[in-house]
Amino acid sequence: MTTATDHPFAQRLTQLPDSRLLRADQPTGAPLMCMPEVEEQTEHYLAIEHGDSADRGMLTGALGWGIGLTCIFTGFSAYLDRDTEWVIYSLIISLVAFIFPFVWEVLRPIPLPILLNLRTRELYFEQEGEIYHTPWDGIAAATYAYGTVGPYTAGMRHAALEALLHRYGHPQEQVVINLGSPTGKSLEMQLGFWEYLRAYMDNGPWFDQQGQPSDSPEFNQSLLAVRKRRGHWTRLQWRDIKEQYQANGGRNFLSGSDFVLLVGSLFLAPLNAIQNFTYAMAKRRSRSQWPQMIRERLRADGPTSRLVDLEQGQA
């Protein structure tokens, strides 16, 4: 464990043996690893999903596909019986089951992601309309492992990756945020994710498995493509089946569980597609909620001054 007493997290983590103090300019030696919370990586910024936004669109998908499927069968049966009135009713019900939850989920505020700005080398976080930030150079961060015990589960291990930020214009007001969910993660995984963020900020926007600069986004996009939600289940299951096929030299390899998972993922594909579409609309709308000074710094031709520089100029 790092023992630098001047680190803001040093005293807080004194009693935690499985912990590491982190700095932007100090490698941890862990192999880099991308987490599912990274929802977007561009040439100018990296977005980390935050809050309950991960479930946005699920209600629309469940109602739109579940009720819609029922209405399809009902409408088809009515069509065979030449009952035009029930065909129309089925169509209206299926549309209502999609439109109402879709509008509600899109218009309801969605937690803004945590942003790492590559151009200005700083991190942004929004909470209740207030902007918190910190320069990447000199950022205070730490990761530590802990366990939980529930009444229906055995002991589980988790690991958090936290960073210290302060409120814009009020440096004395500080907040500690999680860079992604700690649930089910190990200390090694969080150290690997920290190395991924370091590689992006120091050698990005694109880099290879060792974190070295690359002209191609192929490696990074391959990591982002395996997020196991919002419509990727069928593709991931089919990829696993092809890998098994190649590993077995084309011999019989398909198990009953493989077949069930593939058919199940195909059945749920429309639900996932609806959820994905709803989430994309809600996310697009939420991006406009960032203050102008943040939005302009995310543009390719935007200012490169940091928010801490603006604060010092206003002092």
C-alpha atoms as a PDB file:
ATOM      1  CA  MET A   1       0.000   0.000   0.000  1.00  0.00           C
ATOM      2  CA  THR A   2       1.251   3.491  -0.821  1.00  0.00           C
ATOM      3  CA  THR A   3       2.184   5.389   2.331  1.00  0.00           C
ATOM      4  CA  ALA A   4       2.441   8.965   1.034  1.00  0.00           C
ATOM      5  CA  THR A   5       1.048  10.927   3.976  1.00  0.00           C
ATOM      6  CA  ASP A   6       0.251  13.957   1.844  1.00  0.00           C
ATOM      7  CA  HIS A   7      -2.266  12.017  -0.255  1.00  0.00           C
ATOM      8  CA  PRO A   8      -5.848  13.163   0.551  1.00  0.00           C
ATOM      9  CA  PHE A   9      -6.987   9.536   0.958  1.00  0.00           C
ATOM     10  CA  ALA A  10      -4.026   8.442   3.106  1.00  0.00           C
ATOM     11  CA  GLN A  11      -5.644   8.832   6.518  1.00  0.00           C
ATOM     12  CA  ARG A  12      -8.979   7.496   5.323  1.00  0.00           C
ATOM     13  CA  LEU A  13      -7.464   4.209   4.086  1.00  0.00           C
ATOM     14  CA  THR A  14      -5.097   3.632   7.001  1.00  0.00           C
ATOM     15  CA  GLN A  15      -7.254   0.809   8.383  1.00  0.00           C
ATOM     16  CA  LEU A  16      -7.804  -0.883   5.013  1.00  0.00           C
ATOM     17  CA  PRO A  17      -5.028  -3.360   4.162  1.00  0.00           C
ATOM     18  CA  ASP A  18      -6.371  -4.113   0.660  1.00  0.00           C
ATOM     19  CA  SER A  19      -6.096  -0.588  -0.701  1.00  0.00           C
ATOM     20  CA  ARG A  20      -3.948   1.512  -2.996  1.00  0.00           C
ATOM     21  CA  LEU A  21      -3.441   5.252  -3.235  1.00  0.00           C
ATOM     22  CA  LEU A  22      -3.376   6.352  -6.861  1.00  0.00           C
ATOM     23  CA  ARG A  23      -1.848   9.223  -8.789  1.00  0.00           C
ATOM     24  CA  ALA A  24      -2.079  10.059 -12.468  1.00  0.00           C
ATOM     25  CA  ASP A  25       1.708  10.021 -12.942  1.00  0.00           C
ATOM     26  CA  GLN A  26       2.379   6.756 -11.069  1.00  0.00           C
ATOM     27  CA  PRO A  27       1.701   3.406 -12.803  1.00  0.00           C
ATOM     28  CA  THR A  28       0.336   0.579 -10.682  1.00  0.00           C
ATOM     29  CA  GLY A  29       1.854  -2.235 -12.751  1.00  0.00           C
ATOM     30  CA  ALA A  30      -1.572  -3.835 -13.342  1.00  0.00           C
ATOM     31  CA  PRO A  31      -2.577  -4.875 -16.882  1.00  0.00           C
ATOM     32  CA  LEU A  32      -5.116  -2.406 -18.223  1.00  0.00           C
ATOM     33  CA  MET A  33      -8.763  -3.420 -18.250  1.00  0.00           C
ATOM     34  CA  CYS A  34     -11.878  -1.681 -19.553  1.00  0.00           C
ATOM     35  CA  MET A  35     -15.092  -1.763 -17.514  1.00  0.00           C
ATOM     36  CA  PRO A  36     -18.691  -2.038 -18.782  1.00  0.00           C
ATOM     37  CA  GLU A  37     -19.433   1.412 -17.332  1.00  0.00           C
ATOM     38  CA  VAL A  38     -17.423   3.057 -20.126  1.00  0.00           C
ATOM     39  CA  GLU A  39     -20.315   3.962 -22.412  1.00  0.00           C
ATOM     40  CA  GLU A  40     -18.471   6.157 -24.895  1.00  0.00           C
ATOM     41  CA  GLN A  41     -14.862   6.832 -25.897  1.00  0.00           C
ATOM     42  CA  THR A  42     -14.055   9.463 -28.497  1.00  0.00           C
ATOM     43  CA  GLU A  43     -11.085  11.478 -29.669  1.00  0.00           C
ATOM     44  CA  HIS A  44     -11.990  14.209 -27.194  1.00  0.00           C
ATOM     45  CA  TYR A  45     -13.608  12.627 -24.127  1.00  0.00           C
ATOM     46  CA  LEU A  46     -14.399   9.384 -22.325  1.00  0.00           C
ATOM     47  CA  ALA A  47     -17.793   8.950 -20.621  1.00  0.00           C
ATOM     48  CA  ILE A  48     -18.360   6.664 -17.628  1.00  0.00           C
ATOM     49  CA  GLU A  49     -21.940   5.671 -16.905  1.00  0.00           C
ATOM     50  CA  HIS A  50     -23.223   6.911 -13.569  1.00  0.00           C
ATOM     51  CA  GLY A  51     -26.251   6.304 -11.362  1.00  0.00           C
ATOM     52  CA  ASP A  52     -29.404   4.534 -12.436  1.00  0.00           C
ATOM     53  CA  SER A  53     -28.943   5.339 -16.130  1.00  0.00           C
ATOM     54  CA  ALA A  54     -27.956   1.703 -16.744  1.00  0.00           C
ATOM     55  CA  ASP A  55     -31.621   0.666 -16.458  1.00  0.00           C
ATOM     56  CA  ARG A  56     -33.042   3.473 -18.583  1.00  0.00           C
ATOM     57  CA  GLY A  57     -35.218   2.054 -21.360  1.00  0.00           C
ATOM     58  CA  MET A  58     -35.881  -1.261 -19.606  1.00  0.00           C
ATOM     59  CA  LEU A  59     -39.495  -0.363 -18.768  1.00  0.00           C
ATOM     60  CA  THR A  60     -40.206   0.698 -22.363  1.00  0.00           C
ATOM     61  CA  GLY A  61     -38.612  -2.466 -23.677  1.00  0.00           C
ATOM     62  CA  ALA A  62     -40.509  -4.742 -21.295  1.00  0.00           C
ATOM     63  CA  LEU A  63     -43.902  -3.138 -21.888  1.00  0.00           C
ATOM     64  CA  GLY A  64     -43.386  -2.402 -25.565  1.00  0.00           C
ATOM     65  CA  TRP A  65     -42.288  -5.936 -26.411  1.00  0.00           C
ATOM     66  CA  GLY A  66     -44.295  -7.870 -23.807  1.00  0.00           C
ATOM     67  CA  ILE A  67     -47.649  -6.222 -24.433  1.00  0.00           C
ATOM     68  CA  GLY A  68     -46.828  -5.717 -28.109  1.00  0.00           C
ATOM     69  CA  LEU A  69     -46.206  -9.435 -28.592  1.00  0.00           C
ATOM     70  CA  THR A  70     -49.491 -10.277 -26.899  1.00  0.00           C
ATOM     71  CA  CYS A  71     -51.303  -7.775 -29.117  1.00  0.00           C
ATOM     72  CA  ILE A  72     -49.700  -9.274 -32.224  1.00  0.00           C
ATOM     73  CA  PHE A  73     -51.122 -12.693 -31.428  1.00  0.00           C
ATOM     74  CA  THR A  74     -54.484 -11.199 -30.442  1.00  0.00           C
ATOM     75  CA  GLY A  75     -54.632  -9.049 -33.572  1.00  0.00           C
ATOM     76  CA  PHE A  76     -53.645 -11.955 -35.817  1.00  0.00           C
ATOM     77  CA  SER A  77     -56.303 -14.150 -34.269  1.00  0.00           C
ATOM     78  CA  ALA A  78     -58.859 -11.368 -34.736  1.00  0.00           C
ATOM     79  CA  TYR A  79     -57.756 -10.944 -38.338  1.00  0.00           C
ATOM     80  CA  LEU A  80     -58.333 -14.640 -39.019  1.00  0.00           C
ATOM     81  CA  ASP A  81     -61.821 -14.252 -37.531  1.00  0.00           C
ATOM     82  CA  ARG A  82     -62.287 -11.127 -39.681  1.00  0.00           C
ATOM     83  CA  ASP A  83     -62.849  -9.043 -36.549  1.00  0.00           C
ATOM     84  CA  THR A  84     -61.505  -5.690 -37.775  1.00  0.00           C
ATOM     85  CA  GLU A  85     -62.470  -3.895 -34.573  1.00  0.00           C
ATOM     86  CA  TRP A  86     -60.215  -6.095 -32.409  1.00  0.00           C
ATOM     87  CA  VAL A  87     -57.373  -5.748 -34.895  1.00  0.00           C
ATOM     88  CA  ILE A  88     -57.570  -1.960 -34.456  1.00  0.00           C
ATOM     89  CA  TYR A  89     -57.829  -2.281 -30.661  1.00  0.00           C
ATOM     90  CA  SER A  90     -54.754  -4.508 -30.591  1.00  0.00           C
ATOM     91  CA  LEU A  91     -52.795  -2.001 -32.663  1.00  0.00           C
ATOM     92  CA  ILE A  92     -53.792   0.909 -30.407  1.00  0.00           C
ATOM     93  CA  ILE A  93     -52.927  -0.979 -27.218  1.00  0.00           C
ATOM     94  CA  SER A  94     -49.505  -1.983 -28.552  1.00  0.00           C
ATOM     95  CA  LEU A  95     -48.734   1.628 -29.553  1.00  0.00           C
ATOM     96  CA  VAL A  96     -49.844   2.977 -26.171  1.00  0.00           C
ATOM     97  CA  ALA A  97     -47.734   0.339 -24.381  1.00  0.00           C
ATOM     98  CA  PHE A  98     -44.691   1.704 -26.214  1.00  0.00           C
ATOM     99  CA  ILE A  99     -45.351   5.453 -26.495  1.00  0.00           C
ATOM    100  CA  PHE A 100     -46.262   6.286 -22.890  1.00  0.00           C
ATOM    101  CA  PRO A 101     -43.260   4.646 -21.151  1.00  0.00           C
ATOM    102  CA  PHE A 102     -40.983   5.826 -23.981  1.00  0.00           C
ATOM    103  CA  VAL A 103     -41.964   9.478 -23.529  1.00  0.00           C
ATOM    104  CA  TRP A 104     -41.719   9.183 -19.742  1.00  0.00           C
ATOM    105  CA  GLU A 105     -38.251   7.605 -19.796  1.00  0.00           C
ATOM    106  CA  VAL A 106     -36.877   9.996 -22.416  1.00  0.00           C
ATOM    107  CA  LEU A 107     -38.167  13.136 -20.704  1.00  0.00           C
ATOM    108  CA  ARG A 108     -37.229  12.044 -17.178  1.00  0.00           C
ATOM    109  CA  PRO A 109     -33.798  13.445 -16.222  1.00  0.00           C
ATOM    110  CA  ILE A 110     -31.014  10.911 -16.614  1.00  0.00           C
ATOM    111  CA  PRO A 111     -27.848  11.073 -14.494  1.00  0.00           C
ATOM    112  CA  LEU A 112     -25.090  12.660 -16.520  1.00  0.00           C
ATOM    113  CA  PRO A 113     -21.981  10.512 -17.033  1.00  0.00           C
ATOM    114  CA  ILE A 114     -18.619  11.164 -15.479  1.00  0.00           C
ATOM    115  CA  LEU A 115     -16.492  12.770 -18.190  1.00  0.00           C
ATOM    116  CA  LEU A 116     -12.742  12.653 -18.719  1.00  0.00           C
ATOM    117  CA  ASN A 117     -11.791  15.470 -21.076  1.00  0.00           C
ATOM    118  CA  LEU A 118      -8.718  14.501 -23.068  1.00  0.00           C
ATOM    119  CA  ARG A 119      -8.191  17.980 -24.552  1.00  0.00           C
ATOM    120  CA  THR A 120      -8.198  19.871 -21.245  1.00  0.00           C
ATOM    121  CA  ARG A 121      -6.986  16.937 -19.098  1.00  0.00           C
ATOM    122  CA  GLU A 122      -9.664  17.185 -16.431  1.00  0.00           C
ATOM    123  CA  LEU A 123     -12.611  15.252 -15.009  1.00  0.00           C
ATOM    124  CA  TYR A 124     -16.231  16.477 -14.707  1.00  0.00           C
ATOM    125  CA  PHE A 125     -19.108  15.277 -12.542  1.00  0.00           C
ATOM    126  CA  GLU A 126     -22.611  16.728 -12.130  1.00  0.00           C
ATOM    127  CA  GLN A 127     -24.790  16.374  -9.050  1.00  0.00           C
ATOM    128  CA  GLU A 128     -28.077  18.189  -8.434  1.00  0.00           C
ATOM    129  CA  GLY A 129     -27.202  20.891 -10.925  1.00  0.00           C
ATOM    130  CA  GLU A 130     -23.753  21.547  -9.465  1.00  0.00           C
ATOM    131  CA  ILE A 131     -20.524  20.872 -11.364  1.00  0.00           C
ATOM    132  CA  TYR A 132     -17.607  19.149  -9.627  1.00  0.00           C
ATOM    133  CA  HIS A 133     -14.242  18.789 -11.276  1.00  0.00           C
ATOM    134  CA  THR A 134     -10.550  18.131 -10.843  1.00  0.00           C
ATOM    135  CA  PRO A 135      -7.470  18.419 -13.075  1.00  0.00           C
ATOM    136  CA  TRP A 136      -6.222  15.001 -14.177  1.00  0.00           C
ATOM    137  CA  ASP A 137      -2.650  16.008 -13.395  1.00  0.00           C
ATOM    138  CA  GLY A 138      -2.569  15.893  -9.624  1.00  0.00           C
ATOM    139  CA  ILE A 139      -5.860  13.979  -9.256  1.00  0.00           C
ATOM    140  CA  ALA A 140      -6.376  12.250  -5.896  1.00  0.00           C
ATOM    141  CA  ALA A 141      -7.757   8.723  -6.265  1.00  0.00           C
ATOM    142  CA  ALA A 142      -7.758   5.420  -4.419  1.00  0.00           C
ATOM    143  CA  THR A 143      -9.049   1.883  -4.717  1.00  0.00           C
ATOM    144  CA  TYR A 144      -9.851  -0.488  -1.893  1.00  0.00           C
ATOM    145  CA  ALA A 145     -11.514  -3.850  -1.370  1.00  0.00           C
ATOM    146  CA  TYR A 146     -14.322  -4.607   1.066  1.00  0.00           C
ATOM    147  CA  GLY A 147     -16.862  -7.312   1.781  1.00  0.00           C
ATOM    148  CA  THR A 148     -20.615  -7.446   2.304  1.00  0.00           C
ATOM    149  CA  VAL A 149     -22.838 -10.063   3.923  1.00  0.00           C
ATOM    150  CA  GLY A 150     -26.567 -10.222   3.219  1.00  0.00           C
ATOM    151  CA  PRO A 151     -29.399 -12.234   4.810  1.00  0.00           C
ATOM    152  CA  TYR A 152     -29.928 -14.252   1.601  1.00  0.00           C
ATOM    153  CA  THR A 153     -26.386 -14.342   0.242  1.00  0.00           C
ATOM    154  CA  ALA A 154     -22.996 -15.417   1.455  1.00  0.00           C
ATOM    155  CA  GLY A 155     -20.164 -12.984   1.843  1.00  0.00           C
ATOM    156  CA  MET A 156     -19.297 -11.060  -1.319  1.00  0.00           C
ATOM    157  CA  ARG A 157     -16.163  -9.122  -2.154  1.00  0.00           C
ATOM    158  CA  HIS A 158     -16.212  -5.753  -3.902  1.00  0.00           C
ATOM    159  CA  ALA A 159     -13.695  -3.068  -4.748  1.00  0.00           C
ATOM    160  CA  ALA A 160     -14.268   0.649  -5.184  1.00  0.00           C
ATOM    161  CA  LEU A 161     -12.332   3.094  -7.334  1.00  0.00           C
ATOM    162  CA  GLU A 162     -12.809   6.623  -5.996  1.00  0.00           C
ATOM    163  CA  ALA A 163     -11.644  10.107  -6.936  1.00  0.00           C
ATOM    164  CA  LEU A 164     -11.776  13.413  -5.076  1.00  0.00           C
ATOM    165  CA  LEU A 165     -13.363  16.415  -6.817  1.00  0.00           C
ATOM    166  CA  HIS A 166     -14.409  19.891  -5.717  1.00  0.00           C
ATOM    167  CA  ARG A 167     -17.379  22.052  -6.597  1.00  0.00           C
ATOM    168  CA  TYR A 168     -16.812  24.616  -9.335  1.00  0.00           C
ATOM    169  CA  GLY A 169     -16.290  28.009  -7.779  1.00  0.00           C
ATOM    170  CA  HIS A 170     -16.236  26.554  -4.250  1.00  0.00           C
ATOM    171  CA  PRO A 171     -12.941  24.648  -3.790  1.00  0.00           C
ATOM    172  CA  GLN A 172     -13.715  24.044  -0.115  1.00  0.00           C
ATOM    173  CA  GLU A 173     -16.726  21.880  -1.032  1.00  0.00           C
ATOM    174  CA  GLN A 174     -15.435  18.451  -1.989  1.00  0.00           C
ATOM    175  CA  VAL A 175     -17.041  15.171  -3.026  1.00  0.00           C
ATOM    176  CA  VAL A 176     -15.727  11.627  -3.401  1.00  0.00           C
ATOM    177  CA  ILE A 177     -17.174   9.782  -6.407  1.00  0.00           C
ATOM    178  CA  ASN A 178     -17.013   6.195  -7.618  1.00  0.00           C
ATOM    179  CA  LEU A 179     -15.582   5.771 -11.115  1.00  0.00           C
ATOM    180  CA  GLY A 180     -18.052   3.034 -11.963  1.00  0.00           C
ATOM    181  CA  SER A 181     -19.866   0.490  -9.838  1.00  0.00           C
ATOM    182  CA  PRO A 182     -17.797  -1.370  -7.203  1.00  0.00           C
ATOM    183  CA  THR A 183     -20.162  -4.362  -7.095  1.00  0.00           C
ATOM    184  CA  GLY A 184     -18.520  -7.703  -7.811  1.00  0.00           C
ATOM    185  CA  LYS A 185     -15.147  -6.223  -8.741  1.00  0.00           C
ATOM    186  CA  SER A 186     -11.739  -7.049  -7.349  1.00  0.00           C
ATOM    187  CA  LEU A 187      -8.875  -4.780  -6.425  1.00  0.00           C
ATOM    188  CA  GLU A 188      -6.930  -6.061  -9.442  1.00  0.00           C
ATOM    189  CA  MET A 189      -9.802  -5.189 -11.791  1.00  0.00           C
ATOM    190  CA  GLN A 190     -10.029  -1.640 -10.453  1.00  0.00           C
ATOM    191  CA  LEU A 191      -6.278  -1.182 -10.738  1.00  0.00           C
ATOM    192  CA  GLY A 192      -6.536  -2.371 -14.343  1.00  0.00           C
ATOM    193  CA  PHE A 193      -9.328   0.109 -15.004  1.00  0.00           C
ATOM    194  CA  TRP A 194      -7.220   2.885 -13.507  1.00  0.00           C
ATOM    195  CA  GLU A 195      -4.457   1.949 -15.934  1.00  0.00           C
ATOM    196  CA  TYR A 196      -6.989   2.098 -18.779  1.00  0.00           C
ATOM    197  CA  LEU A 197      -7.944   5.649 -17.761  1.00  0.00           C
ATOM    198  CA  ARG A 198      -4.275   6.590 -17.461  1.00  0.00           C
ATOM    199  CA  ALA A 199      -3.598   5.227 -20.937  1.00  0.00           C
ATOM    200  CA  TYR A 200      -6.491   7.242 -22.356  1.00  0.00           C
ATOM    201  CA  MET A 201      -5.423  10.509 -20.727  1.00  0.00           C
ATOM    202  CA  ASP A 202      -1.689  10.071 -21.420  1.00  0.00           C
ATOM    203  CA  ASN A 203      -1.569   8.134 -24.708  1.00  0.00           C
ATOM    204  CA  GLY A 204      -5.132   8.392 -26.053  1.00  0.00           C
ATOM    205  CA  PRO A 205      -7.499   8.540 -27.614  1.00  0.00           C
ATOM    206  CA  TRP A 206      -6.548   5.126 -29.038  1.00  0.00           C
ATOM    207  CA  PHE A 207      -3.979   2.701 -27.648  1.00  0.00           C
ATOM    208  CA  ASP A 208      -3.029  -0.973 -27.647  1.00  0.00           C
ATOM    209  CA  GLN A 209      -3.123  -3.662 -24.943  1.00  0.00           C
ATOM    210  CA  GLN A 210       0.005  -2.235 -23.349  1.00  0.00           C
ATOM    211  CA  GLY A 211      -1.437   1.265 -23.294  1.00  0.00           C
ATOM    212  CA  GLN A 212       0.887   2.506 -26.031  1.00  0.00           C
ATOM    213  CA  PRO A 213      -0.460   5.044 -28.573  1.00  0.00           C
ATOM    214  CA  SER A 214      -2.138   3.595 -31.654  1.00  0.00           C
ATOM    215  CA  ASP A 215      -3.450   5.097 -34.878  1.00  0.00           C
ATOM    216  CA  SER A 216      -6.338   2.644 -34.923  1.00  0.00           C
ATOM    217  CA  PRO A 217      -9.330   2.538 -32.525  1.00  0.00           C
ATOM    218  CA  GLU A 218      -9.755  -1.209 -33.144  1.00  0.00           C
ATOM    219  CA  PHE A 219      -8.520  -2.377 -29.730  1.00  0.00           C
ATOM    220  CA  ASN A 220     -10.594   0.138 -27.786  1.00  0.00           C
ATOM    221  CA  GLN A 221     -13.725  -0.474 -29.829  1.00  0.00           C
ATOM    222  CA  SER A 222     -13.382  -4.226 -29.353  1.00  0.00           C
ATOM    223  CA  LEU A 223     -13.488  -3.691 -25.584  1.00  0.00           C
ATOM    224  CA  LEU A 224     -16.449  -1.334 -25.731  1.00  0.00           C
ATOM    225  CA  ALA A 225     -18.365  -3.732 -28.005  1.00  0.00           C
ATOM    226  CA  VAL A 226     -18.672  -6.455 -25.374  1.00  0.00           C
ATOM    227  CA  ARG A 227     -20.912  -4.543 -22.979  1.00  0.00           C
ATOM    228  CA  LYS A 228     -23.370  -7.314 -22.069  1.00  0.00           C
ATOM    229  CA  ARG A 229     -26.617  -5.382 -22.324  1.00  0.00           C
ATOM    230  CA  ARG A 230     -28.872  -3.374 -24.600  1.00  0.00           C
ATOM    231  CA  GLY A 231     -29.118  -5.775 -27.501  1.00  0.00           C
ATOM    232  CA  HIS A 232     -25.687  -7.450 -27.465  1.00  0.00           C
ATOM    233  CA  TRP A 233     -26.733 -10.778 -25.966  1.00  0.00           C
ATOM    234  CA  THR A 234     -27.481 -12.473 -29.311  1.00  0.00           C
ATOM    235  CA  ARG A 235     -24.231 -11.318 -30.866  1.00  0.00           C
ATOM    236  CA  LEU A 236     -22.198 -12.387 -27.845  1.00  0.00           C
ATOM    237  CA  GLN A 237     -23.872 -15.809 -27.659  1.00  0.00           C
ATOM    238  CA  TRP A 238     -23.357 -16.391 -31.385  1.00  0.00           C
ATOM    239  CA  ARG A 239     -19.708 -15.392 -31.044  1.00  0.00           C
ATOM    240  CA  ASP A 240     -19.249 -17.883 -28.193  1.00  0.00           C
ATOM    241  CA  ILE A 241     -20.816 -20.649 -30.290  1.00  0.00           C
ATOM    242  CA  LYS A 242     -18.499 -19.896 -33.241  1.00  0.00           C
ATOM    243  CA  GLU A 243     -15.477 -19.964 -30.931  1.00  0.00           C
ATOM    244  CA  GLN A 244     -16.558 -23.361 -29.587  1.00  0.00           C
ATOM    245  CA  TYR A 245     -17.080 -24.589 -33.162  1.00  0.00           C
ATOM    246  CA  GLN A 246     -13.554 -23.567 -34.140  1.00  0.00           C
ATOM    247  CA  ALA A 247     -12.044 -24.986 -30.944  1.00  0.00           C
ATOM    248  CA  ASN A 248     -13.678 -28.377 -31.613  1.00  0.00           C
ATOM    249  CA  GLY A 249     -12.591 -28.538 -35.236  1.00  0.00           C
ATOM    250  CA  GLY A 250     -16.151 -28.376 -36.567  1.00  0.00           C
ATOM    251  CA  ARG A 251     -17.312 -31.430 -34.580  1.00  0.00           C
ATOM    252  CA  ASN A 252     -20.575 -31.600 -32.643  1.00  0.00           C
ATOM    253  CA  PHE A 253     -20.198 -29.078 -29.849  1.00  0.00           C
ATOM    254  CA  LEU A 254     -23.599 -27.404 -29.362  1.00  0.00           C
ATOM    255  CA  SER A 255     -24.943 -28.131 -25.885  1.00  0.00           C
ATOM    256  CA  GLY A 256     -28.519 -27.786 -24.710  1.00  0.00           C
ATOM    257  CA  SER A 257     -27.649 -24.700 -22.689  1.00  0.00           C
ATOM    258  CA  ASP A 258     -26.068 -23.062 -25.765  1.00  0.00           C
ATOM    259  CA  PHE A 259     -29.237 -23.671 -27.739  1.00  0.00           C
ATOM    260  CA  VAL A 260     -31.504 -22.318 -24.981  1.00  0.00           C
ATOM    261  CA  LEU A 261     -29.362 -19.201 -24.507  1.00  0.00           C
ATOM    262  CA  LEU A 262     -29.273 -18.517 -28.247  1.00  0.00           C
ATOM    263  CA  VAL A 263     -33.027 -18.938 -28.689  1.00  0.00           C
ATOM    264  CA  GLY A 264     -33.688 -16.904 -25.550  1.00  0.00           C
ATOM    265  CA  SER A 265     -31.444 -14.079 -26.723  1.00  0.00           C
ATOM    266  CA  LEU A 266     -33.202 -14.058 -30.116  1.00  0.00           C
ATOM    267  CA  PHE A 267     -36.586 -13.890 -28.389  1.00  0.00           C
ATOM    268  CA  LEU A 268     -35.452 -10.956 -26.214  1.00  0.00           C
ATOM    269  CA  ALA A 269     -33.669  -9.141 -29.051  1.00  0.00           C
ATOM    270  CA  PRO A 270     -36.647  -6.848 -29.791  1.00  0.00           C
ATOM    271  CA  LEU A 271     -36.891  -5.943 -26.084  1.00  0.00           C
ATOM    272  CA  ASN A 272     -33.195  -5.092 -26.025  1.00  0.00           C
ATOM    273  CA  ALA A 273     -33.486  -3.117 -29.247  1.00  0.00           C
ATOM    274  CA  ILE A 274     -36.328  -1.024 -27.809  1.00  0.00           C
ATOM    275  CA  GLN A 275     -34.348  -0.464 -24.614  1.00  0.00           C
ATOM    276  CA  ASN A 276     -31.295   0.517 -26.631  1.00  0.00           C
ATOM    277  CA  PHE A 277     -33.279   3.007 -28.712  1.00  0.00           C
ATOM    278  CA  THR A 278     -34.934   4.550 -25.637  1.00  0.00           C
ATOM    279  CA  TYR A 279     -31.595   4.862 -23.849  1.00  0.00           C
ATOM    280  CA  ALA A 280     -29.981   6.508 -26.893  1.00  0.00           C
ATOM    281  CA  MET A 281     -32.770   9.114 -27.079  1.00  0.00           C
ATOM    282  CA  ALA A 282     -32.591   9.819 -23.341  1.00  0.00           C
ATOM    283  CA  LYS A 283     -28.803  10.095 -23.452  1.00  0.00           C
ATOM    284  CA  ARG A 284     -28.867  12.454 -26.438  1.00  0.00           C
ATOM    285  CA  ARG A 285     -31.293  14.721 -24.615  1.00  0.00           C
ATOM    286  CA  SER A 286     -29.272  14.617 -21.394  1.00  0.00           C
ATOM    287  CA  ARG A 287     -26.081  15.823 -23.084  1.00  0.00           C
ATOM    288  CA  SER A 288     -27.693  19.236 -23.561  1.00  0.00           C
ATOM    289  CA  GLN A 289     -28.033  19.519 -19.767  1.00  0.00           C
ATOM    290  CA  TRP A 290     -24.314  20.119 -19.326  1.00  0.00           C
ATOM    291  CA  PRO A 291     -23.499  23.822 -18.789  1.00  0.00           C
ATOM    292  CA  GLN A 292     -22.201  25.721 -21.802  1.00  0.00           C
ATOM    293  CA  MET A 293     -18.660  25.882 -20.407  1.00  0.00           C
ATOM    294  CA  ILE A 294     -18.551  22.061 -20.334  1.00  0.00           C
ATOM    295  CA  ARG A 295     -20.174  21.497 -23.733  1.00  0.00           C
ATOM    296  CA  GLU A 296     -17.806  23.871 -25.507  1.00  0.00           C
ATOM    297  CA  ARG A 297     -14.773  22.157 -23.967  1.00  0.00           C
ATOM    298  CA  LEU A 298     -15.921  18.836 -25.390  1.00  0.00           C
ATOM    299  CA  ARG A 299     -15.822  20.180 -28.935  1.00  0.00           C
ATOM    300  CA  ALA A 300     -12.804  19.650 -31.158  1.00  0.00           C
ATOM    301  CA  ASP A 301     -12.424  23.411 -31.615  1.00  0.00           C
ATOM    302  CA  GLY A 302     -13.420  24.375 -28.078  1.00  0.00           C
ATOM    303  CA  PRO A 303     -11.284  26.186 -25.491  1.00  0.00           C
ATOM    304  CA  THR A 304      -8.467  24.256 -23.829  1.00  0.00           C
ATOM    305  CA  SER A 305      -8.487  26.199 -20.562  1.00  0.00           C
ATOM    306  CA  ARG A 306      -9.325  24.108 -17.516  1.00  0.00           C
ATOM    307  CA  LEU A 307     -12.093  24.929 -15.063  1.00  0.00           C
ATOM    308  CA  VAL A 308      -9.472  25.342 -12.350  1.00  0.00           C
ATOM    309  CA  ASP A 309      -7.850  28.017 -14.529  1.00  0.00           C
ATOM    310  CA  LEU A 310     -11.179  29.825 -14.745  1.00  0.00           C
ATOM    311  CA  GLU A 311     -11.530  29.651 -10.979  1.00  0.00           C
ATOM    312  CA  GLN A 312      -8.076  31.125 -10.461  1.00  0.00           C
ATOM    313  CA  GLY A 313      -8.896  33.920 -12.898  1.00  0.00           C
ATOM    314  CA  GLN A 314     -12.050  34.748 -10.958  1.00  0.00           C
ATOM    315  CA  ALA A 315     -10.262  34.794  -7.593  1.00  0.00           C
END
